[in-house]
C-alpha cells in the first residue's frame, strides 16, 4: 500500500524532532556510524548528478586543531567567508531571525545588555560547541546556485540521517567564517570554497543552550496550493 510504513522512526517524526544542538559530550561517534551517515547522504539528489559536496570530517587532534585555528582567527581578524553573507534581512525574515536569537539567548540566560556573555556565546560557535567532530563542507567555486541546491539536499540528508542514528548536529555558517584558517589545517584546495561546517556528536543535556526551541511560520506563509 502507498501509505505503509516500515517499523522504526518515520521520516516525518525525525524531521519534526530535528533541532540544532549547541552543547556536546566529549564522547566520539564510532567511525562506522559516521560512515553510515555520510554514506547514506551520498544518495542525495543532485543537479545533473554532479555531486558537488566535498567534505572533511574531523576527530580527535584534528578537531582540536581546527578549533584552535578558528579561535585564533576570530581573535585576530574580521570575517572573511568564501561566500558572502546576506547584506540585510528584510521582513519577514528579520523577524524570524530576531525570534531565533531571542530564544537562544533566553535559553542561555544571557541578557541583551550582557556584552561579555554575548561575546562568549559568539565564540562558542568557533569551538563547535565542544563537539568531538566537525564536518567542513565545500564546493567548487566555479559552480553557481544550482550546486548550492544540491548542497542543501545533501545537508538535510546528513542532519536527518545523524538524528536517526542518535547523533546530534548543528549546521554552522560561522564555522566557514575564517576559511583560510581551516584550509591551512585540513589542506582544502583553494579552488574549493567553504560553505558551512557541521558540529557532530552526542548532546550534553546539561548545556542550557540545548533548551532552546524555535518556531516555524504557518504553512500558508510559505506555500500556496493552486488549481
C-alpha atoms as a PDB file:
ATOM      1  CA  UNK A   1       0.000   0.000   0.000  1.00  0.00           C
ATOM      2  CA  UNK A   2       1.130   3.547  -0.700  1.00  0.00           C
ATOM      3  CA  UNK A   3       0.792   4.623   2.938  1.00  0.00           C
ATOM      4  CA  UNK A   4       2.518   1.628   4.500  1.00  0.00           C
ATOM      5  CA  UNK A   5       5.465   2.500   6.779  1.00  0.00           C
ATOM      6  CA  UNK A   6       8.152   0.116   7.940  1.00  0.00           C
ATOM      7  CA  UNK A   7       8.894  -0.257  11.640  1.00  0.00           C
ATOM      8  CA  UNK A   8      11.187   2.370  13.079  1.00  0.00           C
ATOM      9  CA  UNK A   9      11.148   6.182  13.164  1.00  0.00           C
ATOM     10  CA  UNK A  10       9.259   7.674  10.234  1.00  0.00           C
ATOM     11  CA  UNK A  11      10.627  10.469   8.087  1.00  0.00           C
ATOM     12  CA  UNK A  12       8.056  12.858   9.497  1.00  0.00           C
ATOM     13  CA  UNK A  13       8.855  12.088  13.129  1.00  0.00           C
ATOM     14  CA  UNK A  14      12.588  12.515  12.527  1.00  0.00           C
ATOM     15  CA  UNK A  15      12.058  15.767  10.626  1.00  0.00           C
ATOM     16  CA  UNK A  16       9.784  17.087  13.356  1.00  0.00           C
ATOM     17  CA  UNK A  17      12.265  16.296  16.137  1.00  0.00           C
ATOM     18  CA  UNK A  18      15.400  17.623  14.427  1.00  0.00           C
ATOM     19  CA  UNK A  19      16.966  20.676  16.067  1.00  0.00           C
ATOM     20  CA  UNK A  20      20.316  22.384  16.348  1.00  0.00           C
ATOM     21  CA  UNK A  21      22.309  21.164  19.362  1.00  0.00           C
ATOM     22  CA  UNK A  22      24.747  23.647  20.888  1.00  0.00           C
ATOM     23  CA  UNK A  23      26.453  21.597  23.574  1.00  0.00           C
ATOM     24  CA  UNK A  24      28.086  18.200  23.153  1.00  0.00           C
ATOM     25  CA  UNK A  25      29.605  15.462  25.276  1.00  0.00           C
ATOM     26  CA  UNK A  26      33.278  14.619  24.624  1.00  0.00           C
ATOM     27  CA  UNK A  27      32.427  11.041  23.592  1.00  0.00           C
ATOM     28  CA  UNK A  28      33.314  10.395  19.964  1.00  0.00           C
ATOM     29  CA  UNK A  29      30.910   8.854  17.482  1.00  0.00           C
ATOM     30  CA  UNK A  30      32.058   5.427  16.228  1.00  0.00           C
ATOM     31  CA  UNK A  31      33.687   5.558  12.800  1.00  0.00           C
ATOM     32  CA  UNK A  32      31.161   3.070  11.417  1.00  0.00           C
ATOM     33  CA  UNK A  33      28.277   5.321  12.472  1.00  0.00           C
ATOM     34  CA  UNK A  34      29.829   8.368  10.803  1.00  0.00           C
ATOM     35  CA  UNK A  35      30.415   6.364   7.645  1.00  0.00           C
ATOM     36  CA  UNK A  36      26.773   5.241   7.675  1.00  0.00           C
ATOM     37  CA  UNK A  37      25.549   8.830   7.973  1.00  0.00           C
ATOM     38  CA  UNK A  38      27.709  10.257   5.222  1.00  0.00           C
ATOM     39  CA  UNK A  39      27.376   7.152   3.093  1.00  0.00           C
ATOM     40  CA  UNK A  40      23.597   7.430   3.086  1.00  0.00           C
ATOM     41  CA  UNK A  41      23.812  11.156   2.256  1.00  0.00           C
ATOM     42  CA  UNK A  42      25.664  10.256  -0.950  1.00  0.00           C
ATOM     43  CA  UNK A  43      22.216   9.357  -2.303  1.00  0.00           C
ATOM     44  CA  UNK A  44      21.023  12.969  -2.021  1.00  0.00           C
ATOM     45  CA  UNK A  45      19.501  14.481  -5.185  1.00  0.00           C
ATOM     46  CA  UNK A  46      21.980  16.292  -7.403  1.00  0.00           C
ATOM     47  CA  UNK A  47      21.566  18.505 -10.474  1.00  0.00           C
ATOM     48  CA  UNK A  48      22.944  16.548 -13.461  1.00  0.00           C
ATOM     49  CA  UNK A  49      24.374  14.181 -10.820  1.00  0.00           C
ATOM     50  CA  UNK A  50      27.406  16.430 -10.301  1.00  0.00           C
ATOM     51  CA  UNK A  51      27.516  15.633  -6.546  1.00  0.00           C
ATOM     52  CA  UNK A  52      29.351  18.892  -5.704  1.00  0.00           C
ATOM     53  CA  UNK A  53      29.801  18.456  -1.949  1.00  0.00           C
ATOM     54  CA  UNK A  54      33.365  17.971  -0.708  1.00  0.00           C
ATOM     55  CA  UNK A  55      33.637  17.176   2.986  1.00  0.00           C
ATOM     56  CA  UNK A  56      36.342  16.817   5.652  1.00  0.00           C
ATOM     57  CA  UNK A  57      35.183  15.112   8.873  1.00  0.00           C
ATOM     58  CA  UNK A  58      37.462  15.578  11.871  1.00  0.00           C
ATOM     59  CA  UNK A  59      38.006  13.696  15.097  1.00  0.00           C
ATOM     60  CA  UNK A  60      40.466  13.817  17.984  1.00  0.00           C
ATOM     61  CA  UNK A  61      43.516  16.022  17.463  1.00  0.00           C
ATOM     62  CA  UNK A  62      42.248  17.284  14.110  1.00  0.00           C
ATOM     63  CA  UNK A  63      39.063  18.638  15.685  1.00  0.00           C
ATOM     64  CA  UNK A  64      41.146  20.474  18.281  1.00  0.00           C
ATOM     65  CA  UNK A  65      43.487  21.833  15.597  1.00  0.00           C
ATOM     66  CA  UNK A  66      40.599  23.214  13.555  1.00  0.00           C
ATOM     67  CA  UNK A  67      39.021  24.802  16.634  1.00  0.00           C
ATOM     68  CA  UNK A  68      42.334  26.364  17.710  1.00  0.00           C
ATOM     69  CA  UNK A  69      42.846  27.817  14.236  1.00  0.00           C
ATOM     70  CA  UNK A  70      39.347  29.319  14.145  1.00  0.00           C
ATOM     71  CA  UNK A  71      39.614  30.792  17.645  1.00  0.00           C
ATOM     72  CA  UNK A  72      42.930  32.408  16.753  1.00  0.00           C
ATOM     73  CA  UNK A  73      41.441  33.866  13.566  1.00  0.00           C
ATOM     74  CA  UNK A  74      38.380  35.145  15.441  1.00  0.00           C
ATOM     75  CA  UNK A  75      40.692  36.989  17.843  1.00  0.00           C
ATOM     76  CA  UNK A  76      42.917  38.498  15.156  1.00  0.00           C
ATOM     77  CA  UNK A  77      40.851  39.240  12.037  1.00  0.00           C
ATOM     78  CA  UNK A  78      37.397  40.081  10.762  1.00  0.00           C
ATOM     79  CA  UNK A  79      35.032  37.688   8.964  1.00  0.00           C
ATOM     80  CA  UNK A  80      36.258  36.649   5.514  1.00  0.00           C
ATOM     81  CA  UNK A  81      33.826  33.956   4.264  1.00  0.00           C
ATOM     82  CA  UNK A  82      34.326  32.480   0.803  1.00  0.00           C
ATOM     83  CA  UNK A  83      30.648  33.136   0.045  1.00  0.00           C
ATOM     84  CA  UNK A  84      29.239  36.479   1.158  1.00  0.00           C
ATOM     85  CA  UNK A  85      26.616  36.598   3.880  1.00  0.00           C
ATOM     86  CA  UNK A  86      23.301  38.373   3.143  1.00  0.00           C
ATOM     87  CA  UNK A  87      23.863  42.153   3.456  1.00  0.00           C
ATOM     88  CA  UNK A  88      20.474  42.600   5.130  1.00  0.00           C
ATOM     89  CA  UNK A  89      17.393  40.700   6.270  1.00  0.00           C
ATOM     90  CA  UNK A  90      14.176  42.435   5.174  1.00  0.00           C
ATOM     91  CA  UNK A  91      10.869  41.487   6.751  1.00  0.00           C
ATOM     92  CA  UNK A  92       9.517  38.941   7.441  1.00  0.00           C
ATOM     93  CA  UNK A  93      12.943  37.261   7.510  1.00  0.00           C
ATOM     94  CA  UNK A  94      14.339  39.755  10.007  1.00  0.00           C
ATOM     95  CA  UNK A  95      11.593  38.934  12.496  1.00  0.00           C
ATOM     96  CA  UNK A  96      12.300  35.202  12.203  1.00  0.00           C
ATOM     97  CA  UNK A  97      15.993  35.883  12.786  1.00  0.00           C
ATOM     98  CA  UNK A  98      15.323  38.047  15.831  1.00  0.00           C
ATOM     99  CA  UNK A  99      12.976  35.488  17.356  1.00  0.00           C
ATOM    100  CA  UNK A 100      15.592  32.778  16.895  1.00  0.00           C
ATOM    101  CA  UNK A 101      18.292  34.878  18.557  1.00  0.00           C
ATOM    102  CA  UNK A 102      15.968  35.861  21.378  1.00  0.00           C
ATOM    103  CA  UNK A 103      15.029  32.246  22.092  1.00  0.00           C
ATOM    104  CA  UNK A 104      18.676  31.156  22.095  1.00  0.00           C
ATOM    105  CA  UNK A 105      19.943  33.891  24.415  1.00  0.00           C
ATOM    106  CA  UNK A 106      16.964  33.384  26.730  1.00  0.00           C
ATOM    107  CA  UNK A 107      17.772  29.665  26.979  1.00  0.00           C
ATOM    108  CA  UNK A 108      21.377  30.532  27.864  1.00  0.00           C
ATOM    109  CA  UNK A 109      20.338  33.176  30.370  1.00  0.00           C
ATOM    110  CA  UNK A 110      22.264  35.907  28.537  1.00  0.00           C
ATOM    111  CA  UNK A 111      20.672  39.351  28.807  1.00  0.00           C
ATOM    112  CA  UNK A 112      20.548  41.737  25.847  1.00  0.00           C
ATOM    113  CA  UNK A 113      22.943  44.177  27.548  1.00  0.00           C
ATOM    114  CA  UNK A 114      25.394  41.468  28.686  1.00  0.00           C
ATOM    115  CA  UNK A 115      28.221  42.197  26.252  1.00  0.00           C
ATOM    116  CA  UNK A 116      30.626  39.721  27.833  1.00  0.00           C
ATOM    117  CA  UNK A 117      28.023  36.968  27.829  1.00  0.00           C
ATOM    118  CA  UNK A 118      27.126  37.614  24.208  1.00  0.00           C
ATOM    119  CA  UNK A 119      30.773  37.619  23.167  1.00  0.00           C
ATOM    120  CA  UNK A 120      31.332  34.286  24.900  1.00  0.00           C
ATOM    121  CA  UNK A 121      28.228  32.883  23.208  1.00  0.00           C
ATOM    122  CA  UNK A 122      29.590  34.057  19.840  1.00  0.00           C
ATOM    123  CA  UNK A 123      32.989  32.465  20.453  1.00  0.00           C
ATOM    124  CA  UNK A 124      31.362  29.131  21.332  1.00  0.00           C
ATOM    125  CA  UNK A 125      30.400  28.906  17.666  1.00  0.00           C
ATOM    126  CA  UNK A 126      34.082  28.593  16.755  1.00  0.00           C
ATOM    127  CA  UNK A 127      34.572  25.864  19.358  1.00  0.00           C
ATOM    128  CA  UNK A 128      31.813  23.969  17.536  1.00  0.00           C
ATOM    129  CA  UNK A 129      30.061  23.852  20.916  1.00  0.00           C
ATOM    130  CA  UNK A 130      32.686  21.348  22.111  1.00  0.00           C
ATOM    131  CA  UNK A 131      31.608  18.739  19.558  1.00  0.00           C
ATOM    132  CA  UNK A 132      34.106  15.900  19.047  1.00  0.00           C
ATOM    133  CA  UNK A 133      33.603  16.029  15.279  1.00  0.00           C
ATOM    134  CA  UNK A 134      33.390  18.832  12.734  1.00  0.00           C
ATOM    135  CA  UNK A 135      32.409  18.294   9.114  1.00  0.00           C
ATOM    136  CA  UNK A 136      33.718  21.113   6.937  1.00  0.00           C
ATOM    137  CA  UNK A 137      31.774  21.351   3.690  1.00  0.00           C
ATOM    138  CA  UNK A 138      32.954  22.989   0.471  1.00  0.00           C
ATOM    139  CA  UNK A 139      32.017  23.239  -3.201  1.00  0.00           C
ATOM    140  CA  UNK A 140      33.920  24.182  -6.342  1.00  0.00           C
ATOM    141  CA  UNK A 141      33.940  27.986  -6.596  1.00  0.00           C
ATOM    142  CA  UNK A 142      33.048  27.771 -10.300  1.00  0.00           C
ATOM    143  CA  UNK A 143      29.559  26.449  -9.560  1.00  0.00           C
ATOM    144  CA  UNK A 144      26.574  28.699  -9.011  1.00  0.00           C
ATOM    145  CA  UNK A 145      23.329  28.449  -7.063  1.00  0.00           C
ATOM    146  CA  UNK A 146      22.395  25.097  -8.587  1.00  0.00           C
ATOM    147  CA  UNK A 147      25.273  23.475  -6.728  1.00  0.00           C
ATOM    148  CA  UNK A 148      24.013  25.154  -3.553  1.00  0.00           C
ATOM    149  CA  UNK A 149      20.637  23.494  -4.115  1.00  0.00           C
ATOM    150  CA  UNK A 150      22.418  20.150  -4.267  1.00  0.00           C
ATOM    151  CA  UNK A 151      24.331  21.014  -1.125  1.00  0.00           C
ATOM    152  CA  UNK A 152      21.109  21.834   0.714  1.00  0.00           C
ATOM    153  CA  UNK A 153      19.653  18.449  -0.197  1.00  0.00           C
ATOM    154  CA  UNK A 154      22.845  16.744   0.953  1.00  0.00           C
ATOM    155  CA  UNK A 155      22.984  18.734   4.201  1.00  0.00           C
ATOM    156  CA  UNK A 156      19.412  17.854   5.141  1.00  0.00           C
ATOM    157  CA  UNK A 157      20.211  14.206   4.434  1.00  0.00           C
ATOM    158  CA  UNK A 158      23.187  14.339   6.818  1.00  0.00           C
ATOM    159  CA  UNK A 159      21.246  16.072   9.589  1.00  0.00           C
ATOM    160  CA  UNK A 160      18.293  13.687   9.439  1.00  0.00           C
ATOM    161  CA  UNK A 161      20.458  10.610   8.979  1.00  0.00           C
ATOM    162  CA  UNK A 162      22.519  11.568  12.001  1.00  0.00           C
ATOM    163  CA  UNK A 163      19.433  12.028  14.174  1.00  0.00           C
ATOM    164  CA  UNK A 164      18.070   8.659  13.057  1.00  0.00           C
ATOM    165  CA  UNK A 165      21.248   7.061  14.450  1.00  0.00           C
ATOM    166  CA  UNK A 166      21.147   9.071  17.684  1.00  0.00           C
ATOM    167  CA  UNK A 167      23.803  11.616  16.674  1.00  0.00           C
ATOM    168  CA  UNK A 168      23.158  15.318  17.282  1.00  0.00           C
ATOM    169  CA  UNK A 169      24.233  18.087  14.928  1.00  0.00           C
ATOM    170  CA  UNK A 170      24.406  21.822  14.415  1.00  0.00           C
ATOM    171  CA  UNK A 171      24.936  23.232  10.944  1.00  0.00           C
ATOM    172  CA  UNK A 172      27.014  26.396  11.368  1.00  0.00           C
ATOM    173  CA  UNK A 173      27.757  29.057   8.782  1.00  0.00           C
ATOM    174  CA  UNK A 174      30.073  30.530  11.425  1.00  0.00           C
ATOM    175  CA  UNK A 175      32.455  27.582  11.005  1.00  0.00           C
ATOM    176  CA  UNK A 176      33.104  28.866   7.476  1.00  0.00           C
ATOM    177  CA  UNK A 177      33.799  32.417   8.675  1.00  0.00           C
ATOM    178  CA  UNK A 178      37.597  32.031   8.510  1.00  0.00           C
ATOM    179  CA  UNK A 179      38.229  29.669   5.588  1.00  0.00           C
ATOM    180  CA  UNK A 180      41.943  30.408   5.407  1.00  0.00           C
ATOM    181  CA  UNK A 181      42.494  29.127   8.931  1.00  0.00           C
ATOM    182  CA  UNK A 182      40.554  25.925   8.273  1.00  0.00           C
ATOM    183  CA  UNK A 183      42.095  25.422   4.848  1.00  0.00           C
ATOM    184  CA  UNK A 184      45.582  25.523   6.341  1.00  0.00           C
ATOM    185  CA  UNK A 185      44.807  22.781   8.856  1.00  0.00           C
ATOM    186  CA  UNK A 186      42.851  20.416   6.607  1.00  0.00           C
ATOM    187  CA  UNK A 187      44.652  21.041   3.327  1.00  0.00           C
ATOM    188  CA  UNK A 188      41.493  22.098   1.485  1.00  0.00           C
ATOM    189  CA  UNK A 189      42.388  23.211  -2.074  1.00  0.00           C
ATOM    190  CA  UNK A 190      41.971  26.891  -2.931  1.00  0.00           C
ATOM    191  CA  UNK A 191      39.557  26.124  -5.760  1.00  0.00           C
ATOM    192  CA  UNK A 192      37.042  24.866  -3.205  1.00  0.00           C
ATOM    193  CA  UNK A 193      35.069  27.440  -1.259  1.00  0.00           C
ATOM    194  CA  UNK A 194      33.919  26.636   2.266  1.00  0.00           C
ATOM    195  CA  UNK A 195      30.172  26.947   2.708  1.00  0.00           C
ATOM    196  CA  UNK A 196      29.278  25.516   6.114  1.00  0.00           C
ATOM    197  CA  UNK A 197      30.517  23.404   8.981  1.00  0.00           C
ATOM    198  CA  UNK A 198      28.577  20.797  10.948  1.00  0.00           C
ATOM    199  CA  UNK A 199      29.220  20.188  14.648  1.00  0.00           C
ATOM    200  CA  UNK A 200      28.512  16.498  15.374  1.00  0.00           C
ATOM    201  CA  UNK A 201      28.403  14.319  18.456  1.00  0.00           C
ATOM    202  CA  UNK A 202      26.177  13.332  21.356  1.00  0.00           C
ATOM    203  CA  UNK A 203      24.093  16.005  23.076  1.00  0.00           C
ATOM    204  CA  UNK A 204      25.053  17.203  26.534  1.00  0.00           C
ATOM    205  CA  UNK A 205      21.667  17.706  28.241  1.00  0.00           C
ATOM    206  CA  UNK A 206      23.270  19.853  30.941  1.00  0.00           C
ATOM    207  CA  UNK A 207      24.093  22.661  28.477  1.00  0.00           C
ATOM    208  CA  UNK A 208      21.496  25.409  28.821  1.00  0.00           C
ATOM    209  CA  UNK A 209      21.571  26.335  25.137  1.00  0.00           C
ATOM    210  CA  UNK A 210      20.127  22.922  24.318  1.00  0.00           C
ATOM    211  CA  UNK A 211      16.885  24.040  25.916  1.00  0.00           C
ATOM    212  CA  UNK A 212      16.351  26.475  23.035  1.00  0.00           C
ATOM    213  CA  UNK A 213      13.331  25.827  20.831  1.00  0.00           C
ATOM    214  CA  UNK A 214      12.423  27.816  17.740  1.00  0.00           C
ATOM    215  CA  UNK A 215       9.110  28.053  15.950  1.00  0.00           C
ATOM    216  CA  UNK A 216       8.008  27.888  12.321  1.00  0.00           C
ATOM    217  CA  UNK A 217       5.564  30.113  10.474  1.00  0.00           C
ATOM    218  CA  UNK A 218       2.219  28.578   9.487  1.00  0.00           C
ATOM    219  CA  UNK A 219       2.194  26.684   6.199  1.00  0.00           C
ATOM    220  CA  UNK A 220       0.226  29.420   4.420  1.00  0.00           C
ATOM    221  CA  UNK A 221       3.080  31.884   4.993  1.00  0.00           C
ATOM    222  CA  UNK A 222       5.334  29.869   2.704  1.00  0.00           C
ATOM    223  CA  UNK A 223       3.230  27.618   0.486  1.00  0.00           C
ATOM    224  CA  UNK A 224       0.301  28.228  -1.875  1.00  0.00           C
ATOM    225  CA  UNK A 225      -1.757  25.351  -3.255  1.00  0.00           C
ATOM    226  CA  UNK A 226      -3.199  26.380  -6.607  1.00  0.00           C
ATOM    227  CA  UNK A 227      -5.532  24.846  -9.173  1.00  0.00           C
END
